[in-house]
Protein backbone atom coordinates (compact mmCIF):
# COMPACT_ATOMS: atom_id res chain seq x y z
CA MET A 1 12.89 -13.35 19.05
CA THR A 2 14.54 -10.19 20.41
CA GLU A 3 13.68 -6.51 20.57
CA THR A 4 14.88 -4.29 17.72
CA ASN A 5 14.64 -0.65 16.71
CA ARG A 6 11.10 -1.42 15.47
CA ILE A 7 9.94 -4.04 18.01
CA GLU A 8 9.14 -3.50 21.70
CA TYR A 9 7.98 -6.22 24.16
CA LYS A 10 5.82 -5.65 27.23
CA ARG A 11 4.92 -8.43 29.65
CA GLU A 12 1.53 -6.93 30.55
CA LEU A 13 -0.47 -3.72 30.37
CA THR A 14 -0.72 -2.10 33.80
CA SER A 15 -1.57 1.39 34.98
CA GLU A 16 2.11 1.84 35.86
CA LEU A 17 3.31 0.92 32.36
CA ASP A 18 4.02 4.04 30.30
CA ILE A 19 2.65 2.64 27.05
CA GLU A 20 2.07 6.18 25.76
CA LYS A 21 5.82 6.81 25.81
CA GLU A 22 6.48 3.78 23.58
CA VAL A 23 3.73 4.74 21.12
CA VAL A 24 4.94 8.37 20.95
CA ALA A 25 8.50 7.17 20.29
CA PHE A 26 7.35 5.08 17.31
CA LEU A 27 5.11 7.89 15.99
CA ASN A 28 8.17 10.16 15.97
CA TYR A 29 10.44 7.47 14.47
CA LYS A 30 10.77 7.48 10.68
CA GLU A 31 9.81 3.79 10.34
CA GLY A 32 7.15 3.41 13.04
CA GLY A 33 7.17 0.09 14.88
CA TYR A 34 5.39 -2.71 16.74
CA ILE A 35 4.57 -3.18 20.41
CA TYR A 36 3.72 -6.68 21.66
CA ILE A 37 1.81 -7.14 24.91
CA GLY A 38 2.24 -10.58 26.48
CA ILE A 39 5.91 -11.11 25.61
CA ASP A 40 8.71 -10.77 28.16
CA LYS A 41 11.89 -8.79 27.49
CA ASP A 42 13.78 -12.02 26.79
CA GLY A 43 11.26 -12.92 24.08
CA SER A 44 9.42 -15.61 26.04
CA ILE A 45 5.64 -15.78 25.54
CA VAL A 46 3.60 -15.17 28.70
CA GLY A 47 0.29 -14.35 27.01
CA VAL A 48 -2.60 -12.01 27.81
CA ASN A 49 -5.59 -13.25 29.80
CA ASN A 50 -8.37 -10.73 29.14
CA VAL A 51 -7.57 -9.77 25.56
CA ASP A 52 -10.69 -7.71 24.80
CA ASP A 53 -10.34 -5.61 27.95
CA CYS A 54 -6.63 -5.06 27.32
CA MET A 55 -7.23 -3.98 23.71
CA LEU A 56 -9.93 -1.54 24.82
CA ARG A 57 -7.68 0.02 27.46
CA LEU A 58 -4.85 0.31 24.95
CA LYS A 59 -7.07 2.07 22.42
CA ASP A 60 -8.43 4.51 25.02
CA ARG A 61 -4.99 5.43 26.36
CA ILE A 62 -3.51 6.01 22.90
CA LYS A 63 -6.60 7.94 21.80
CA HIS A 64 -6.86 10.26 24.81
CA ASN A 65 -3.29 10.70 26.08
CA ILE A 66 -1.31 11.52 22.91
CA SER A 67 -1.19 14.71 20.82
CA PRO A 68 -1.60 15.40 17.94
CA SER A 69 -4.24 12.73 17.54
CA ALA A 70 -2.85 9.29 16.67
CA MET A 71 -6.18 8.05 15.32
CA GLY A 72 -5.62 6.41 11.95
CA LEU A 73 -1.96 5.79 12.76
CA PHE A 74 -2.23 2.60 14.82
CA ASP A 75 -3.77 -0.87 14.71
CA ILE A 76 -4.45 -3.21 17.63
CA ALA A 77 -4.88 -6.92 16.90
CA GLU A 78 -4.85 -10.26 18.70
CA GLU A 79 -2.28 -12.86 17.64
CA HIS A 80 -1.45 -16.36 18.86
CA LYS A 81 2.04 -17.61 19.73
CA ASP A 82 2.87 -20.93 21.38
CA GLY A 83 -0.82 -21.51 22.06
CA ARG A 84 -1.24 -18.22 23.93
CA SER A 85 -2.94 -14.95 23.05
CA ILE A 86 -0.80 -11.84 22.66
CA ILE A 87 -1.62 -8.33 21.44
CA LYS A 88 0.18 -6.61 18.57
CA VAL A 89 0.08 -2.81 18.33
CA THR A 90 1.18 -1.53 14.92
CA VAL A 91 2.27 2.13 14.99
CA ALA A 92 2.90 4.07 11.78
CA SER A 93 5.30 6.97 11.55
CA GLY A 94 3.20 10.13 11.87
CA ILE A 95 3.34 13.07 9.50
CA GLU A 96 2.54 15.67 12.21
CA LYS A 97 5.71 15.29 14.29
CA PRO A 98 6.48 15.94 17.06
CA TYR A 99 3.98 13.69 18.84
CA PHE A 100 3.93 13.91 22.60
CA LYS A 101 2.16 12.83 25.78
CA THR A 102 -0.61 15.39 26.18
CA LYS A 103 -0.02 15.70 29.93
CA TYR A 104 3.54 17.03 29.47
CA GLY A 105 3.22 18.85 26.15
CA MET A 106 6.04 19.52 23.69
CA THR A 107 8.86 19.03 26.18
CA PRO A 108 11.46 16.27 26.66
CA ARG A 109 9.13 14.79 29.30
CA GLY A 110 6.36 14.48 26.73
CA ALA A 111 8.09 13.84 23.39
CA TYR A 112 10.12 10.69 22.77
CA ILE A 113 11.82 9.03 19.81
CA ARG A 114 12.99 5.47 19.22
CA VAL A 115 16.76 5.04 19.55
CA GLY A 116 17.90 1.45 19.19
CA THR A 117 15.65 -0.63 21.43
CA SER A 118 14.53 2.16 23.75
CA ALA A 119 12.33 5.26 23.79
CA GLU A 120 14.54 8.28 24.50
CA PRO A 121 13.45 11.83 25.42
CA MET A 122 13.58 14.14 22.42
CA PRO A 123 15.87 17.17 22.89
CA GLN A 124 14.00 20.47 23.08
CA GLU A 125 15.80 21.86 20.02
CA GLN A 126 14.65 18.86 17.97
CA ILE A 127 11.09 19.32 19.25
CA ASP A 128 11.15 22.98 18.24
CA ARG A 129 12.61 22.19 14.81
CA LEU A 130 10.01 19.51 14.04
CA PHE A 131 7.20 21.77 15.17
CA ALA A 132 8.50 24.58 12.96
CA ILE A 133 8.44 22.39 9.84
CA ARG A 134 5.23 20.53 10.71
CA THR A 135 3.02 20.27 7.64
CA ARG A 136 0.96 23.44 7.32
CA ASN A 137 -1.30 22.15 4.57
CA SER A 138 -2.79 19.20 6.46
CA ILE A 139 -6.40 18.82 5.31
CA GLY A 140 -7.37 18.57 8.97
CA ARG A 141 -6.29 22.20 9.41
CA ILE A 142 -7.72 23.61 6.18
CA VAL A 143 -11.10 25.23 6.76
CA SER A 144 -13.82 24.02 4.38
CA ASN A 145 -15.05 26.70 1.99
CA ARG A 146 -18.55 25.43 2.80
CA GLN A 147 -19.91 25.17 6.31
CA ASP A 148 -23.44 24.00 5.39
CA LEU A 149 -22.45 20.32 5.28
CA SER A 150 -24.49 17.18 5.94
CA PHE A 151 -23.27 13.60 6.44
CA GLU A 152 -26.17 11.21 5.80
CA GLN A 153 -24.11 9.11 3.36
CA LEU A 154 -21.35 8.77 5.95
CA ARG A 155 -23.91 7.65 8.55
CA ILE A 156 -25.22 4.99 6.16
CA TYR A 157 -21.73 3.53 5.58
CA TYR A 158 -21.11 3.34 9.33
CA ASP A 159 -24.55 1.80 9.93
CA GLU A 160 -23.82 -0.87 7.30
CA ARG A 161 -20.85 -1.96 9.41
CA GLY A 162 -22.86 -2.01 12.62
CA LYS A 163 -21.28 1.21 13.87
CA ARG A 164 -23.39 4.19 14.88
CA LEU A 165 -22.21 7.78 14.74
CA ASN A 166 -23.10 9.58 17.96
CA ASP A 167 -23.79 13.29 18.35
CA ASN A 168 -20.09 13.96 18.88
CA PHE A 169 -18.90 12.22 15.67
CA LYS A 170 -17.69 15.45 14.04
CA ARG A 171 -15.15 15.92 16.80
CA THR A 172 -14.42 12.19 17.20
CA LEU A 173 -13.69 11.73 13.49
CA GLU A 174 -11.67 14.97 13.42
CA LEU A 175 -13.95 16.78 10.98
CA LEU A 176 -13.48 20.10 12.80
CA THR A 177 -10.62 22.57 13.07
CA ASP A 178 -9.39 23.69 16.48
CA ASP A 179 -11.85 26.60 16.42
CA GLY A 180 -14.83 24.34 15.66
CA LYS A 181 -15.24 24.92 11.91
CA TYR A 182 -15.62 22.15 9.34
CA ASN A 183 -12.25 21.23 7.84
CA TYR A 184 -11.40 19.86 4.39
CA VAL A 185 -11.81 16.28 5.62
CA ALA A 186 -15.43 17.10 6.42
CA TYR A 187 -15.83 18.73 3.01
CA LEU A 188 -14.59 15.59 1.22
CA LEU A 189 -16.88 13.30 3.22
CA ALA A 190 -19.98 15.51 3.05
CA ASP A 191 -23.07 14.55 1.04
CA GLU A 192 -22.39 17.41 -1.38
CA ASN A 193 -19.06 18.93 -2.38
CA GLY A 194 -17.15 20.05 -5.46
CA ASN A 195 -14.77 17.08 -5.54
CA SER A 196 -15.03 14.77 -8.56
CA ILE A 197 -12.86 11.80 -9.57
CA LYS A 198 -12.47 11.22 -13.30
CA VAL A 199 -12.16 7.84 -15.01
CA ALA A 200 -11.16 8.26 -18.66
CA LYS A 201 -10.87 5.61 -21.37
CA TYR A 202 -8.85 5.97 -24.57
CA SER A 203 -8.73 3.97 -27.80
CA SER A 204 -5.11 5.03 -28.42
CA LEU A 205 -1.93 4.46 -26.42
CA ASP A 206 -1.68 8.23 -25.83
CA ARG A 207 -4.37 10.70 -24.73
CA CYS A 208 -5.49 11.69 -28.23
CA ASP A 209 -8.53 9.46 -28.81
CA LEU A 210 -10.94 9.72 -25.88
CA LEU A 211 -13.68 7.07 -25.76
CA GLU A 212 -15.25 7.79 -22.37
CA ASN A 213 -14.93 10.40 -19.66
CA ASN A 214 -16.82 9.47 -16.51
CA GLU A 215 -17.00 11.53 -13.33
CA TYR A 216 -17.72 10.12 -9.89
CA GLY A 217 -18.15 12.69 -7.19
CA TYR A 218 -19.92 15.76 -5.86
CA CYS A 219 -20.80 13.38 -3.00
CA SER A 220 -19.10 11.68 -0.07
CA LEU A 221 -15.58 10.56 -1.00
CA ILE A 222 -16.50 7.08 0.23
CA LYS A 223 -19.39 6.88 -2.25
CA ALA A 224 -17.12 8.17 -5.03
CA THR A 225 -14.50 5.54 -4.12
CA LYS A 226 -17.05 2.75 -4.34
CA SER A 227 -18.24 4.08 -7.72
CA VAL A 228 -14.69 4.10 -9.11
CA LEU A 229 -14.12 0.56 -7.83
CA SER A 230 -17.36 -0.59 -9.48
CA LYS A 231 -16.46 1.06 -12.80
CA LEU A 232 -13.00 -0.50 -12.90
CA ASP A 233 -14.42 -3.86 -11.86
CA ILE A 234 -16.66 -3.72 -14.95
CA GLU A 235 -13.67 -2.75 -17.12
CA ASN A 236 -11.59 -5.58 -15.64
CA LYS A 237 -12.85 -8.12 -18.16
CA VAL A 238 -11.76 -11.73 -18.12
CA ALA A 239 -10.03 -12.98 -21.27
CA ALA A 240 -9.84 -16.69 -22.04
CA THR A 241 -6.90 -18.48 -23.62
CA ILE A 242 -7.18 -22.11 -24.73
CA THR A 243 -4.04 -24.20 -24.25
CA PRO A 244 -3.54 -27.93 -24.96
CA MET A 245 -4.07 -28.66 -21.27
CA GLU A 246 -6.70 -26.21 -20.06
CA ARG A 247 -8.73 -23.07 -20.53
CA ILE A 248 -6.99 -20.18 -18.76
CA GLU A 249 -9.12 -17.22 -17.70
CA THR A 250 -7.22 -14.07 -16.78
CA PRO A 251 -8.57 -10.63 -15.81
CA LEU A 252 -6.94 -7.59 -17.38
CA TRP A 253 -5.53 -6.56 -14.00
CA ASN A 254 -4.87 -8.42 -10.77
CA LYS A 255 -8.05 -7.80 -8.76
CA VAL A 256 -6.42 -7.46 -5.34
CA ALA A 257 -3.68 -5.12 -6.58
CA LEU A 258 -6.21 -3.06 -8.55
CA ARG A 259 -8.40 -2.46 -5.50
CA GLU A 260 -5.41 -1.55 -3.33
CA ALA A 261 -4.04 0.82 -5.98
CA VAL A 262 -7.38 2.64 -6.28
CA ILE A 263 -7.88 3.07 -2.55
CA ASN A 264 -4.23 3.98 -1.97
CA ALA A 265 -4.44 6.75 -4.58
CA ILE A 266 -7.64 8.19 -3.10
CA VAL A 267 -6.72 7.98 0.58
CA HIS A 268 -3.16 9.31 0.18
CA ASN A 269 -3.86 12.01 -2.42
CA ASP A 270 -2.72 15.51 -1.40
CA TYR A 271 -6.08 17.29 -1.38
CA SER A 272 -4.52 20.57 -0.23
CA PHE A 273 -4.08 21.27 -3.97
CA GLU A 274 -7.84 20.64 -4.39
CA VAL A 275 -7.07 18.16 -7.20
CA PRO A 276 -8.40 14.58 -6.92
CA PRO A 277 -6.60 11.50 -8.30
CA LYS A 278 -7.37 10.42 -11.86
CA PHE A 279 -7.76 7.03 -13.51
CA GLU A 280 -6.96 6.49 -17.20
CA ILE A 281 -7.58 3.29 -19.17
CA PHE A 282 -5.49 2.65 -22.29
CA PRO A 283 -5.51 -0.39 -24.61
CA ASP A 284 -2.36 -1.73 -22.92
CA ARG A 285 -2.47 -0.33 -19.38
CA LEU A 286 -4.27 1.46 -16.55
CA GLU A 287 -2.64 4.60 -15.17
CA ILE A 288 -3.55 5.86 -11.69
CA THR A 289 -2.17 9.30 -10.85
CA SER A 290 -2.41 10.89 -7.41
CA VAL A 291 -1.27 14.36 -6.37
CA GLY A 292 1.65 14.78 -4.00
CA ARG A 293 5.14 13.40 -3.55
CA LEU A 294 6.34 10.91 -0.95
CA PRO A 295 6.42 12.41 2.58
CA GLU A 296 9.73 14.17 3.22
CA SER A 297 10.88 11.65 5.83
CA LEU A 298 10.09 8.59 3.68
CA THR A 299 12.56 7.23 1.12
CA LYS A 300 11.59 5.08 -1.88
CA GLU A 301 13.36 2.10 -0.31
CA GLU A 302 11.34 2.49 2.89
CA PHE A 303 8.16 2.92 0.85
CA PHE A 304 8.79 -0.33 -1.04
CA ASN A 305 9.61 -2.10 2.24
CA GLY A 306 6.12 -1.37 3.52
CA ILE A 307 6.87 1.57 5.82
CA SER A 308 3.64 3.55 6.13
CA ILE A 309 3.27 7.29 6.74
CA PRO A 310 -0.40 8.08 6.05
CA ARG A 311 -0.73 11.49 4.39
CA ASN A 312 -4.36 11.89 5.47
CA LYS A 313 -4.68 10.06 8.76
CA GLU A 314 -8.27 11.25 9.21
CA LEU A 315 -9.33 9.61 5.94
CA MET A 316 -7.29 6.50 6.74
CA ARG A 317 -9.07 6.09 10.07
CA ILE A 318 -12.55 6.49 8.50
CA TYR A 319 -11.77 4.16 5.57
CA ARG A 320 -10.69 1.54 8.10
CA ASP A 321 -13.89 2.07 10.08
CA VAL A 322 -16.02 1.34 6.99
CA GLU A 323 -13.67 -1.53 6.04
CA LEU A 324 -12.37 -0.11 2.77
CA VAL A 325 -8.87 -0.33 4.25
CA GLU A 326 -7.79 -3.43 6.17
CA SER A 327 -4.62 -2.48 8.03
CA LEU A 328 -1.73 -0.07 8.04
CA GLY A 329 0.84 -0.61 5.33
CA SER A 330 -0.89 -3.61 3.71
CA GLY A 331 -1.77 -2.03 0.35
CA ILE A 332 1.66 -1.39 -1.20
CA PRO A 333 3.00 -4.94 -0.55
CA ARG A 334 -0.05 -6.37 -2.33
CA ILE A 335 0.56 -4.17 -5.36
CA LEU A 336 4.26 -5.07 -5.38
CA ARG A 337 3.48 -8.77 -5.15
CA ALA A 338 1.52 -8.56 -8.41
CA TYR A 339 3.43 -5.91 -10.38
CA GLY A 340 6.78 -5.18 -8.74
CA GLU A 341 8.46 -1.82 -8.14
CA ASP A 342 8.54 -0.87 -11.82
CA CYS A 343 4.83 -0.02 -11.81
CA PHE A 344 5.52 3.04 -9.59
CA LYS A 345 6.76 6.39 -10.86
CA PHE A 346 7.57 9.28 -8.51
CA THR A 347 7.91 12.96 -9.39
CA ASP A 348 8.07 16.11 -7.29
CA ASN A 349 4.32 16.59 -7.60
CA PHE A 350 2.72 13.24 -8.47
CA ILE A 351 2.83 9.50 -7.86
CA ARG A 352 1.72 7.29 -10.75
CA ILE A 353 0.94 3.58 -10.70
CA THR A 354 0.84 1.83 -14.08
CA LEU A 355 -0.84 -1.57 -14.23
CA PRO A 356 -0.15 -3.22 -17.60
CA ILE A 357 -2.88 -5.33 -19.14
CA SER A 358 -1.92 -8.95 -18.53
CA VAL A 359 -3.69 -10.26 -21.64
CA GLN A 360 -5.05 -8.53 -24.69
CA ASP A 361 -8.77 -7.93 -24.55
CA GLY A 362 -10.64 -10.46 -26.66
CA THR A 363 -7.91 -13.13 -26.66
CA GLN A 364 -8.90 -15.93 -29.02
CA SER A 365 -8.21 -19.62 -28.73
CA VAL A 366 -5.48 -20.93 -31.03
CA PRO A 367 -4.68 -24.43 -32.34
CA SER A 368 -2.94 -26.57 -29.76
CA GLU A 369 0.01 -27.31 -32.10
CA GLN A 370 0.71 -23.60 -32.46
CA VAL A 371 0.66 -23.04 -28.71
CA GLY A 372 3.11 -25.87 -28.16
CA VAL A 373 5.56 -24.43 -30.68
CA GLN A 374 5.32 -20.93 -29.19
CA VAL A 375 5.95 -22.09 -25.65
CA GLY A 376 8.83 -24.33 -26.75
CA GLU A 377 10.55 -21.54 -28.66
CA GLN A 378 10.17 -19.14 -25.72
CA VAL A 379 11.83 -21.63 -23.38
CA LYS A 380 14.67 -22.28 -25.84
CA MET A 381 15.31 -18.56 -26.32
CA LEU A 382 15.37 -17.95 -22.56
CA ILE A 383 17.63 -20.97 -21.93
CA HIS A 384 20.14 -19.75 -24.54
CA SER A 385 19.98 -16.18 -23.17
CA ILE A 386 20.70 -17.09 -19.55
CA ASN A 387 23.18 -19.88 -20.40
CA ASN A 388 25.53 -20.56 -17.46
CA ARG A 389 25.10 -17.09 -15.95
CA GLU A 390 23.03 -15.37 -13.29
CA LEU A 391 21.21 -12.48 -14.98
CA SER A 392 18.72 -9.81 -13.94
CA VAL A 393 15.62 -9.18 -16.06
CA ASP A 394 17.28 -6.10 -17.59
CA GLU A 395 20.35 -8.16 -18.50
CA ILE A 396 18.22 -10.90 -20.07
CA LEU A 397 16.36 -8.31 -22.13
CA GLU A 398 19.68 -6.92 -23.37
CA VAL A 399 20.66 -10.42 -24.51
CA TYR A 400 17.30 -10.77 -26.30
CA LYS A 401 17.97 -7.50 -28.08
CA LEU A 402 21.40 -8.68 -29.24
CA LEU A 403 20.58 -12.32 -30.09
CA TYR A 404 17.03 -12.11 -31.36
CA LYS A 405 16.55 -8.41 -32.20
CA GLN A 406 13.52 -8.43 -29.88
CA VAL A 407 12.63 -5.44 -27.70
CA TYR A 408 10.09 -5.72 -24.88
CA LYS A 409 8.56 -2.42 -23.75
CA SER A 410 7.07 -4.02 -20.63
CA LYS A 411 9.47 -5.74 -18.26
CA TRP A 412 6.47 -7.01 -16.29
CA TYR A 413 4.97 -8.62 -19.43
CA PHE A 414 8.27 -10.39 -20.20
CA LYS A 415 8.50 -11.78 -16.67
CA LYS A 416 4.85 -12.86 -16.65
CA HIS A 417 4.83 -14.58 -20.05
CA THR A 418 8.40 -15.81 -20.47
CA ILE A 419 10.31 -16.12 -17.20
CA HIS A 420 7.47 -17.28 -14.94
CA PRO A 421 6.28 -20.13 -17.23
CA SER A 422 9.89 -21.36 -17.50
CA MET A 423 10.16 -21.28 -13.71
CA PHE A 424 6.87 -23.17 -13.42
CA ASP A 425 8.24 -25.85 -15.79
CA GLY A 426 11.39 -26.15 -13.67
CA TYR A 427 13.94 -24.73 -16.14
CA VAL A 428 14.72 -21.43 -14.39
CA GLU A 429 15.00 -20.36 -10.74
CA MET A 430 15.50 -17.14 -8.77
CA THR A 431 18.69 -16.38 -6.87
CA TYR A 432 16.52 -14.99 -4.04
CA PRO A 433 13.53 -17.39 -4.07
CA ASP A 434 12.19 -16.20 -0.70
CA SER A 435 12.15 -12.57 -1.80
CA PRO A 436 10.72 -12.29 -5.36
CA ASN A 437 11.00 -8.47 -5.38
CA HIS A 438 14.56 -8.37 -4.04
CA PRO A 439 16.43 -5.43 -5.65
CA LYS A 440 19.34 -7.76 -6.53
CA GLN A 441 17.12 -10.54 -7.88
CA LYS A 442 18.61 -12.57 -10.72
CA TYR A 443 17.70 -15.73 -12.61
CA ARG A 444 19.71 -18.86 -13.42
CA LEU A 445 19.12 -22.26 -14.97
CA THR A 446 18.16 -25.21 -12.79
CA THR A 447 19.70 -28.64 -13.26
CA LYS A 448 16.81 -29.40 -15.61
CA GLY A 449 17.48 -26.16 -17.48
CA LEU A 450 21.21 -26.92 -17.81
CA GLN A 451 20.38 -30.37 -19.17
CA LEU A 452 18.12 -28.77 -21.77
CA LEU A 453 20.87 -26.28 -22.65
CA ASP A 454 23.33 -29.16 -23.22
CA SER A 455 20.77 -30.94 -25.39
CA LEU A 456 20.11 -27.82 -27.46
CA ASN A 457 23.83 -27.18 -27.95
CA HIS A 458 24.42 -30.82 -28.90
CA ASN A 459 21.67 -30.71 -31.53
CA LYS A 460 22.89 -27.53 -33.19
């Protein structure tokens, strides 16, 4: 285990160790990074004795000695390696660059950036350039159009987690602008506001036939989030399919991915446009649309690789406090694991996640003989399509179009109901089995699949 551009090792946390410099460098780096306490430079594990005390000191130093505030941009967790305790500090790339050590300000002595395996002073011209283009529409800087705000709902959610808000919580949670006025974060989290999240349901595949139009809001964003989650949990019905071997119960959407997609859309929505995310249920899919494009310094490839640049770090921090968010960068990988990259669509103004319905609502049981024939034919068609080649999903679908005149609108549905069962039965395998979402992923026949192909060709 060696240091990289995203991994830094520290033997121990001492008063002489400039841990702030390392954190600042990762905050200013486009991919963020990880700092491990209790690992020597050569990668050997030395461990940390007083873990709780060390974690507390780390949090306090990062919280008080770095500007702009890094709250919501880092995690501190205990891990175990070789039977010893170590500490892992996860640092996300910040959106309010340049970050700097408060003591030295926006100078090369205060601002650093990760270069290779070291934290290097940032040139003054780069500091000035980053400051000039720093996001002006951060909701932490936008003054709330209402200043008569109360936060009883927020207090309740903190109390439920055994955390009490003290008299200074407005400043601690960054609900105030520099001149002491409530900002837009405070407005969104207040007991009363004008923000409302809509959940619409249609009977048609387009937006022509509206069945329901529910609104959840005019209250704390946390309460609205929980209401949206509850509504979609009710809509996420379980359909049963009877096969010769078992009764298979499948929800309309993967529950873990659904929750992550909802929270991701709400926490990372660009509220500077004063437009909340929207949720739309169709007979064949759920569409979740949030306002705002990817941050300028984040590419799609980095996004899909789990690089996290929280748009609203204040909301991220509070959602973690009330345990709606687990850790930095964990949501997108969970969505990708269930639905792959194709469920995301990016435009200049919006990000949309489309979760196809995995089974049709109200699936009925069918005679076992019919099921057996259907599954057998699907396997045969796939075996003939792949043949002795390595093909991507798109390439397989092209073969289906040519050989069988079949067109699948949902690539995800085809993988779920045709490729995956054939893999489970041992006929097909991935070329990158350890990385299911690899951009160059292809599929080929196993030895068992090739034997079946020979048998099918022989019996023609």
